Amino acid sequence: MTQAQEQKQFFADFGKKINDTVESIELASIQADKSTYDALGLKLTAGKLELWGLIVFCTRKIYFYVAPSENYMTTLMRQAAHEKAPEEQFITVSSLEEFKTSVPPRKWYSFLLNESKYCIEASFRYDGTTRHFSFVTHKPAFEIQQQIQSYQK
């Protein structure tokens, strides 16, 4: 199956699962602290600092989708510990309470690090507390943030 066919199949399968039409996807990671992952309802794999997945832009909402994956070593350790295999995860990003995004301001030295060019800062309210996380993208952040903001009320 070609990459285009796999993408088309993912669009169809995911769209059916959420009862919406997938318009586009962007590869990204979420970086947050443990309490924020818990508030988001996402499980971070042991030993990982970020969660890689797809920002899925649909007709009505935005989702963050994480495919179940693990490497050979973690598979062996998980099986030895009799733990469950990783499961598919997704959250409705656009439905988070008071969800806001911003692109961090570029500093004079940003050309050396280039990291702020691909970072979107996000916040939301959970149990009366504002939580923060970052999306790190492969495309310039301002392009993806514009897409995200088009879904915000």
N, C-alpha and C. Protein backbone atom coordinates (compact mmCIF):
# COMPACT_ATOMS: atom_id res chain seq x y z
N MET A 1 0.85 -1.17 0.00
CA MET A 1 0.00 0.00 0.00
C MET A 1 0.90 1.24 0.00
N THR A 2 0.59 2.19 -0.84
CA THR A 2 1.39 3.41 -0.92
C THR A 2 1.04 4.34 0.25
N GLN A 3 1.89 5.35 0.45
CA GLN A 3 1.65 6.29 1.54
C GLN A 3 0.33 7.03 1.32
N ALA A 4 0.03 7.39 0.09
CA ALA A 4 -1.22 8.09 -0.21
C ALA A 4 -2.43 7.21 0.10
N GLN A 5 -2.32 5.92 -0.21
CA GLN A 5 -3.41 4.99 0.09
C GLN A 5 -3.58 4.80 1.60
N GLU A 6 -2.45 4.71 2.31
CA GLU A 6 -2.51 4.57 3.77
C GLU A 6 -3.15 5.80 4.39
N GLN A 7 -2.79 6.99 3.90
CA GLN A 7 -3.37 8.22 4.43
C GLN A 7 -4.87 8.26 4.15
N LYS A 8 -5.26 7.89 2.95
CA LYS A 8 -6.68 7.87 2.60
C LYS A 8 -7.44 6.89 3.50
N GLN A 9 -6.82 5.72 3.77
CA GLN A 9 -7.45 4.73 4.64
C GLN A 9 -7.57 5.26 6.07
N PHE A 10 -6.51 5.93 6.56
CA PHE A 10 -6.56 6.52 7.90
C PHE A 10 -7.68 7.56 7.97
N PHE A 11 -7.77 8.42 6.96
CA PHE A 11 -8.82 9.45 6.92
C PHE A 11 -10.20 8.79 7.04
N ALA A 12 -10.42 7.72 6.28
CA ALA A 12 -11.71 7.04 6.29
C ALA A 12 -11.97 6.37 7.63
N ASP A 13 -10.99 5.63 8.14
CA ASP A 13 -11.17 4.91 9.41
C ASP A 13 -11.37 5.86 10.58
N PHE A 14 -10.53 6.89 10.66
CA PHE A 14 -10.64 7.83 11.77
C PHE A 14 -11.95 8.62 11.67
N GLY A 15 -12.29 9.04 10.47
CA GLY A 15 -13.55 9.77 10.26
C GLY A 15 -14.76 8.97 10.69
N LYS A 16 -14.74 7.67 10.42
CA LYS A 16 -15.83 6.79 10.82
C LYS A 16 -15.90 6.68 12.35
N LYS A 17 -14.72 6.60 12.97
CA LYS A 17 -14.63 6.45 14.42
C LYS A 17 -15.21 7.66 15.16
N ILE A 18 -15.00 8.86 14.63
CA ILE A 18 -15.42 10.09 15.31
C ILE A 18 -16.66 10.72 14.68
N ASN A 19 -17.16 10.11 13.61
CA ASN A 19 -18.33 10.62 12.90
C ASN A 19 -18.11 12.05 12.40
N ASP A 20 -16.99 12.26 11.74
CA ASP A 20 -16.63 13.55 11.17
C ASP A 20 -15.76 13.27 9.94
N THR A 21 -15.49 14.30 9.16
CA THR A 21 -14.67 14.13 7.96
C THR A 21 -13.29 14.71 8.21
N VAL A 22 -12.26 13.88 8.03
CA VAL A 22 -10.88 14.33 8.19
C VAL A 22 -10.49 15.16 6.99
N GLU A 23 -9.98 16.37 7.24
CA GLU A 23 -9.56 17.25 6.16
C GLU A 23 -8.05 17.24 5.95
N SER A 24 -7.28 17.22 7.05
CA SER A 24 -5.83 17.19 6.94
C SER A 24 -5.22 16.72 8.25
N ILE A 25 -3.95 16.36 8.18
CA ILE A 25 -3.21 15.93 9.37
C ILE A 25 -1.85 16.61 9.40
N GLU A 26 -1.31 16.76 10.60
CA GLU A 26 0.03 17.31 10.79
C GLU A 26 0.74 16.48 11.85
N LEU A 27 1.96 16.05 11.54
CA LEU A 27 2.77 15.33 12.51
C LEU A 27 3.23 16.30 13.59
N ALA A 28 3.09 15.89 14.84
CA ALA A 28 3.46 16.76 15.96
C ALA A 28 3.69 15.92 17.21
N SER A 29 4.33 16.54 18.18
CA SER A 29 4.45 15.90 19.49
C SER A 29 3.84 16.83 20.52
N ILE A 30 3.40 16.25 21.62
CA ILE A 30 2.95 17.03 22.76
C ILE A 30 4.00 16.88 23.84
N GLN A 31 4.38 18.01 24.43
CA GLN A 31 5.30 18.02 25.57
C GLN A 31 4.57 18.67 26.73
N ALA A 32 4.52 17.94 27.85
CA ALA A 32 3.80 18.44 29.02
C ALA A 32 4.31 17.72 30.26
N ASP A 33 3.84 18.19 31.42
CA ASP A 33 4.18 17.46 32.64
C ASP A 33 3.14 16.36 32.87
N LYS A 34 3.41 15.48 33.81
CA LYS A 34 2.55 14.32 34.04
C LYS A 34 1.12 14.71 34.37
N SER A 35 0.95 15.73 35.21
CA SER A 35 -0.42 16.12 35.59
C SER A 35 -1.20 16.65 34.39
N THR A 36 -0.51 17.28 33.45
CA THR A 36 -1.19 17.78 32.25
C THR A 36 -1.56 16.62 31.33
N TYR A 37 -0.66 15.65 31.19
CA TYR A 37 -1.02 14.45 30.41
C TYR A 37 -2.25 13.78 31.02
N ASP A 38 -2.29 13.68 32.35
CA ASP A 38 -3.45 13.09 33.03
C ASP A 38 -4.71 13.90 32.74
N ALA A 39 -4.61 15.23 32.81
CA ALA A 39 -5.77 16.09 32.55
C ALA A 39 -6.25 15.96 31.10
N LEU A 40 -5.31 15.74 30.19
CA LEU A 40 -5.67 15.55 28.79
C LEU A 40 -6.25 14.16 28.53
N GLY A 41 -5.99 13.24 29.45
CA GLY A 41 -6.46 11.87 29.26
C GLY A 41 -5.52 11.06 28.39
N LEU A 42 -4.25 11.47 28.33
CA LEU A 42 -3.25 10.76 27.52
C LEU A 42 -2.27 10.04 28.44
N LYS A 43 -1.85 8.87 28.00
CA LYS A 43 -0.88 8.10 28.76
C LYS A 43 0.47 8.17 28.07
N LEU A 44 1.46 8.63 28.80
CA LEU A 44 2.82 8.73 28.28
C LEU A 44 3.52 7.40 28.50
N THR A 45 4.17 6.90 27.46
CA THR A 45 4.92 5.65 27.57
C THR A 45 6.07 5.84 28.55
N ALA A 46 6.32 4.83 29.37
CA ALA A 46 7.39 4.90 30.37
C ALA A 46 8.71 5.26 29.71
N GLY A 47 9.42 6.18 30.33
CA GLY A 47 10.73 6.59 29.81
C GLY A 47 10.68 7.65 28.73
N LYS A 48 9.49 8.05 28.31
CA LYS A 48 9.36 9.06 27.26
C LYS A 48 9.06 10.42 27.88
N LEU A 49 9.48 11.47 27.19
CA LEU A 49 9.23 12.83 27.65
C LEU A 49 8.18 13.54 26.81
N GLU A 50 7.89 12.96 25.65
CA GLU A 50 6.90 13.57 24.75
C GLU A 50 6.09 12.48 24.10
N LEU A 51 4.97 12.87 23.55
CA LEU A 51 4.06 11.93 22.91
C LEU A 51 3.89 12.34 21.45
N TRP A 52 4.37 11.50 20.55
CA TRP A 52 4.26 11.80 19.12
C TRP A 52 2.94 11.31 18.57
N GLY A 53 2.37 12.10 17.68
CA GLY A 53 1.11 11.73 17.07
C GLY A 53 0.76 12.65 15.92
N LEU A 54 -0.52 12.74 15.64
CA LEU A 54 -1.02 13.56 14.55
C LEU A 54 -2.05 14.56 15.07
N ILE A 55 -1.91 15.79 14.64
CA ILE A 55 -3.00 16.75 14.84
C ILE A 55 -3.93 16.50 13.66
N VAL A 56 -5.16 16.12 13.96
CA VAL A 56 -6.11 15.75 12.91
C VAL A 56 -7.16 16.85 12.81
N PHE A 57 -7.17 17.52 11.67
CA PHE A 57 -8.14 18.59 11.41
C PHE A 57 -9.33 18.00 10.69
N CYS A 58 -10.49 18.07 11.33
CA CYS A 58 -11.72 17.54 10.74
C CYS A 58 -12.66 18.69 10.42
N THR A 59 -13.78 18.38 9.84
CA THR A 59 -14.73 19.41 9.45
C THR A 59 -15.20 20.22 10.65
N ARG A 60 -15.47 19.54 11.78
CA ARG A 60 -16.02 20.24 12.94
C ARG A 60 -15.06 20.44 14.09
N LYS A 61 -14.07 19.55 14.26
CA LYS A 61 -13.21 19.60 15.43
C LYS A 61 -11.77 19.25 15.09
N ILE A 62 -10.90 19.46 16.08
CA ILE A 62 -9.48 19.10 15.97
C ILE A 62 -9.19 18.01 17.01
N TYR A 63 -8.45 17.02 16.59
CA TYR A 63 -8.09 15.91 17.47
C TYR A 63 -6.57 15.77 17.52
N PHE A 64 -6.09 15.13 18.57
CA PHE A 64 -4.69 14.69 18.61
C PHE A 64 -4.75 13.18 18.72
N TYR A 65 -4.15 12.49 17.75
CA TYR A 65 -4.21 11.04 17.65
C TYR A 65 -2.83 10.43 17.86
N VAL A 66 -2.76 9.42 18.71
CA VAL A 66 -1.51 8.71 18.97
C VAL A 66 -1.72 7.24 18.61
N ALA A 67 -0.94 6.77 17.66
CA ALA A 67 -1.03 5.36 17.25
C ALA A 67 -0.33 4.49 18.31
N PRO A 68 -0.84 3.29 18.53
CA PRO A 68 -0.17 2.40 19.48
C PRO A 68 1.16 1.93 18.90
N SER A 69 2.25 2.17 19.61
CA SER A 69 3.55 1.75 19.09
C SER A 69 4.52 1.53 20.24
N GLU A 70 5.47 0.68 20.00
CA GLU A 70 6.54 0.44 20.95
C GLU A 70 7.70 -0.20 20.20
N ASN A 71 8.89 -0.05 20.73
CA ASN A 71 10.03 -0.66 20.07
C ASN A 71 10.25 -2.08 20.62
N TYR A 72 11.19 -2.78 20.04
CA TYR A 72 11.43 -4.17 20.38
C TYR A 72 11.76 -4.34 21.86
N MET A 73 12.61 -3.48 22.38
CA MET A 73 13.03 -3.58 23.77
C MET A 73 11.87 -3.37 24.74
N THR A 74 11.05 -2.35 24.50
CA THR A 74 9.92 -2.10 25.38
C THR A 74 8.88 -3.22 25.27
N THR A 75 8.76 -3.83 24.09
CA THR A 75 7.86 -4.96 23.93
C THR A 75 8.30 -6.11 24.84
N LEU A 76 9.59 -6.41 24.82
CA LEU A 76 10.11 -7.50 25.66
C LEU A 76 9.90 -7.21 27.14
N MET A 77 10.18 -5.97 27.56
CA MET A 77 10.02 -5.61 28.97
C MET A 77 8.55 -5.65 29.37
N ARG A 78 7.67 -5.17 28.50
CA ARG A 78 6.24 -5.18 28.79
C ARG A 78 5.72 -6.60 28.93
N GLN A 79 6.14 -7.47 28.00
CA GLN A 79 5.69 -8.86 28.06
C GLN A 79 6.21 -9.56 29.31
N ALA A 80 7.46 -9.28 29.69
CA ALA A 80 8.03 -9.88 30.90
C ALA A 80 7.29 -9.42 32.15
N ALA A 81 6.81 -8.20 32.14
CA ALA A 81 6.07 -7.65 33.28
C ALA A 81 4.58 -7.94 33.20
N HIS A 82 4.15 -8.63 32.15
CA HIS A 82 2.74 -8.99 31.94
C HIS A 82 1.84 -7.75 31.92
N GLU A 83 2.32 -6.70 31.27
CA GLU A 83 1.53 -5.47 31.14
C GLU A 83 0.80 -5.45 29.81
N LYS A 84 -0.20 -4.59 29.71
CA LYS A 84 -0.98 -4.46 28.48
C LYS A 84 -0.18 -3.77 27.39
N ALA A 85 -0.46 -4.13 26.15
CA ALA A 85 0.17 -3.48 25.00
C ALA A 85 -0.36 -2.05 24.89
N PRO A 86 0.43 -1.15 24.28
CA PRO A 86 -0.06 0.23 24.10
C PRO A 86 -1.35 0.25 23.29
N GLU A 87 -2.19 1.19 23.60
CA GLU A 87 -3.46 1.33 22.89
C GLU A 87 -3.51 2.65 22.14
N GLU A 88 -4.35 2.68 21.14
CA GLU A 88 -4.60 3.91 20.40
C GLU A 88 -5.17 4.94 21.37
N GLN A 89 -4.75 6.20 21.22
CA GLN A 89 -5.26 7.28 22.06
C GLN A 89 -5.64 8.46 21.17
N PHE A 90 -6.70 9.14 21.53
CA PHE A 90 -6.98 10.42 20.87
C PHE A 90 -7.83 11.28 21.77
N ILE A 91 -7.63 12.58 21.63
CA ILE A 91 -8.40 13.56 22.40
C ILE A 91 -8.96 14.59 21.44
N THR A 92 -10.04 15.23 21.85
CA THR A 92 -10.63 16.31 21.07
C THR A 92 -10.03 17.62 21.57
N VAL A 93 -9.01 18.08 20.88
CA VAL A 93 -8.28 19.27 21.30
C VAL A 93 -9.18 20.50 21.30
N SER A 94 -9.98 20.65 20.27
CA SER A 94 -10.81 21.85 20.14
C SER A 94 -11.93 21.92 21.17
N SER A 95 -12.17 20.84 21.90
CA SER A 95 -13.22 20.84 22.93
C SER A 95 -12.67 21.05 24.34
N LEU A 96 -11.35 21.23 24.47
CA LEU A 96 -10.79 21.49 25.79
C LEU A 96 -11.32 22.83 26.30
N GLU A 97 -11.63 22.90 27.57
CA GLU A 97 -12.19 24.12 28.16
C GLU A 97 -11.18 25.27 28.08
N GLU A 98 -11.62 26.40 27.57
CA GLU A 98 -10.80 27.60 27.42
C GLU A 98 -9.47 27.31 26.71
N PHE A 99 -9.54 26.52 25.67
CA PHE A 99 -8.34 26.15 24.90
C PHE A 99 -7.81 27.36 24.13
N LYS A 100 -6.52 27.64 24.32
CA LYS A 100 -5.88 28.78 23.64
C LYS A 100 -4.51 28.35 23.15
N THR A 101 -4.07 28.97 22.06
CA THR A 101 -2.74 28.69 21.53
C THR A 101 -2.01 30.00 21.23
N SER A 102 -0.69 29.90 21.23
CA SER A 102 0.12 31.04 20.83
C SER A 102 1.46 30.51 20.33
N VAL A 103 2.08 31.30 19.50
CA VAL A 103 3.43 30.98 19.02
C VAL A 103 4.38 31.83 19.86
N PRO A 104 5.36 31.19 20.51
CA PRO A 104 6.28 31.98 21.35
C PRO A 104 6.99 33.06 20.52
N PRO A 105 7.21 34.23 21.10
CA PRO A 105 7.89 35.29 20.34
C PRO A 105 9.33 34.88 20.00
N ARG A 106 9.75 35.25 18.83
CA ARG A 106 11.12 34.96 18.41
C ARG A 106 12.06 35.92 19.13
N LYS A 107 13.17 35.39 19.53
CA LYS A 107 14.19 36.19 20.20
C LYS A 107 15.33 36.47 19.21
N TRP A 108 16.22 37.36 19.56
CA TRP A 108 17.30 37.71 18.64
C TRP A 108 18.19 36.51 18.32
N TYR A 109 18.26 35.54 19.22
CA TYR A 109 19.12 34.37 19.01
C TYR A 109 18.35 33.17 18.45
N SER A 110 17.08 33.35 18.10
CA SER A 110 16.25 32.25 17.63
C SER A 110 16.81 31.58 16.38
N PHE A 111 17.52 32.32 15.56
CA PHE A 111 18.07 31.73 14.34
C PHE A 111 19.10 30.64 14.66
N LEU A 112 19.69 30.68 15.85
CA LEU A 112 20.66 29.66 16.25
C LEU A 112 19.99 28.35 16.66
N LEU A 113 18.86 28.45 17.36
CA LEU A 113 18.19 27.27 17.89
C LEU A 113 17.08 26.76 17.00
N ASN A 114 16.35 27.67 16.40
CA ASN A 114 15.28 27.34 15.46
C ASN A 114 14.10 26.61 16.09
N GLU A 115 14.13 26.38 17.42
CA GLU A 115 13.07 25.60 18.04
C GLU A 115 11.75 26.36 18.15
N SER A 116 11.80 27.67 18.37
CA SER A 116 10.54 28.41 18.52
C SER A 116 9.77 28.47 17.21
N LYS A 117 10.44 28.28 16.11
CA LYS A 117 9.78 28.30 14.80
C LYS A 117 8.78 27.14 14.66
N TYR A 118 9.00 26.06 15.43
CA TYR A 118 8.17 24.87 15.31
C TYR A 118 7.37 24.56 16.58
N CYS A 119 7.24 25.52 17.45
CA CYS A 119 6.57 25.30 18.74
C CYS A 119 5.28 26.12 18.84
N ILE A 120 4.22 25.46 19.28
CA ILE A 120 2.95 26.12 19.57
C ILE A 120 2.67 25.88 21.04
N GLU A 121 2.57 26.96 21.80
CA GLU A 121 2.21 26.87 23.22
C GLU A 121 0.70 26.79 23.32
N ALA A 122 0.21 25.92 24.18
CA ALA A 122 -1.24 25.75 24.34
C ALA A 122 -1.59 25.73 25.82
N SER A 123 -2.81 26.16 26.12
CA SER A 123 -3.30 26.10 27.49
C SER A 123 -4.79 25.77 27.47
N PHE A 124 -5.25 25.23 28.60
CA PHE A 124 -6.66 24.90 28.76
C PHE A 124 -6.95 24.84 30.26
N ARG A 125 -8.24 24.89 30.62
CA ARG A 125 -8.64 24.82 32.03
C ARG A 125 -9.10 23.40 32.33
N TYR A 126 -8.68 22.93 33.51
CA TYR A 126 -9.09 21.61 33.97
C TYR A 126 -9.20 21.67 35.49
N ASP A 127 -10.35 21.34 36.00
CA ASP A 127 -10.60 21.40 37.44
C ASP A 127 -10.20 22.74 38.05
N GLY A 128 -10.52 23.81 37.36
CA GLY A 128 -10.27 25.15 37.87
C GLY A 128 -8.83 25.63 37.76
N THR A 129 -7.97 24.82 37.15
CA THR A 129 -6.56 25.17 37.02
C THR A 129 -6.20 25.28 35.54
N THR A 130 -5.38 26.26 35.20
CA THR A 130 -4.90 26.37 33.83
C THR A 130 -3.71 25.44 33.65
N ARG A 131 -3.80 24.60 32.64
CA ARG A 131 -2.73 23.65 32.31
C ARG A 131 -2.06 24.11 31.02
N HIS A 132 -0.78 23.80 30.88
CA HIS A 132 -0.02 24.21 29.70
C HIS A 132 0.68 23.02 29.07
N PHE A 133 0.76 23.03 27.75
CA PHE A 133 1.55 22.05 27.01
C PHE A 133 2.02 22.68 25.72
N SER A 134 2.90 21.99 25.04
CA SER A 134 3.42 22.49 23.76
C SER A 134 3.23 21.45 22.67
N PHE A 135 2.88 21.93 21.49
CA PHE A 135 2.95 21.11 20.28
C PHE A 135 4.28 21.44 19.62
N VAL A 136 5.05 20.46 19.24
CA VAL A 136 6.24 20.67 18.43
C VAL A 136 5.93 20.06 17.07
N THR A 137 6.02 20.88 16.04
CA THR A 137 5.57 20.48 14.70
C THR A 137 6.73 20.35 13.73
N HIS A 138 6.44 19.84 12.56
CA HIS A 138 7.45 19.75 11.51
C HIS A 138 7.34 20.89 10.50
N LYS A 139 6.18 21.52 10.48
CA LYS A 139 5.98 22.70 9.65
C LYS A 139 6.12 23.92 10.55
N PRO A 140 6.37 25.08 9.97
CA PRO A 140 6.41 26.29 10.80
C PRO A 140 5.13 26.42 11.63
N ALA A 141 5.32 26.72 12.90
CA ALA A 141 4.22 26.74 13.86
C ALA A 141 3.10 27.72 13.50
N PHE A 142 3.47 28.88 12.95
CA PHE A 142 2.42 29.87 12.68
C PHE A 142 1.41 29.36 11.68
N GLU A 143 1.81 28.51 10.72
CA GLU A 143 0.87 27.95 9.74
C GLU A 143 -0.15 27.04 10.42
N ILE A 144 0.35 26.17 11.29
CA ILE A 144 -0.53 25.23 11.97
C ILE A 144 -1.39 25.94 13.01
N GLN A 145 -0.82 26.93 13.68
CA GLN A 145 -1.59 27.67 14.67
C GLN A 145 -2.75 28.40 14.00
N GLN A 146 -2.54 28.92 12.80
CA GLN A 146 -3.64 29.57 12.07
C GLN A 146 -4.78 28.58 11.81
N GLN A 147 -4.42 27.34 11.45
CA GLN A 147 -5.45 26.32 11.25
C GLN A 147 -6.19 26.05 12.55
N ILE A 148 -5.45 25.92 13.65
CA ILE A 148 -6.07 25.65 14.95
C ILE A 148 -6.98 26.80 15.34
N GLN A 149 -6.53 28.03 15.16
CA GLN A 149 -7.35 29.18 15.55
C GLN A 149 -8.62 29.30 14.74
N SER A 150 -8.65 28.77 13.55
CA SER A 150 -9.88 28.82 12.75
C SER A 150 -10.99 27.98 13.38
N TYR A 151 -10.66 27.08 14.30
CA TYR A 151 -11.65 26.25 14.99
C TYR A 151 -12.07 26.86 16.33
N GLN A 152 -11.29 27.82 16.82
CA GLN A 152 -11.60 28.40 18.13
C GLN A 152 -12.70 29.43 18.00
N LYS A 153 -13.54 29.45 19.02
CA LYS A 153 -14.69 30.37 19.03
C LYS A 153 -14.30 31.71 19.54
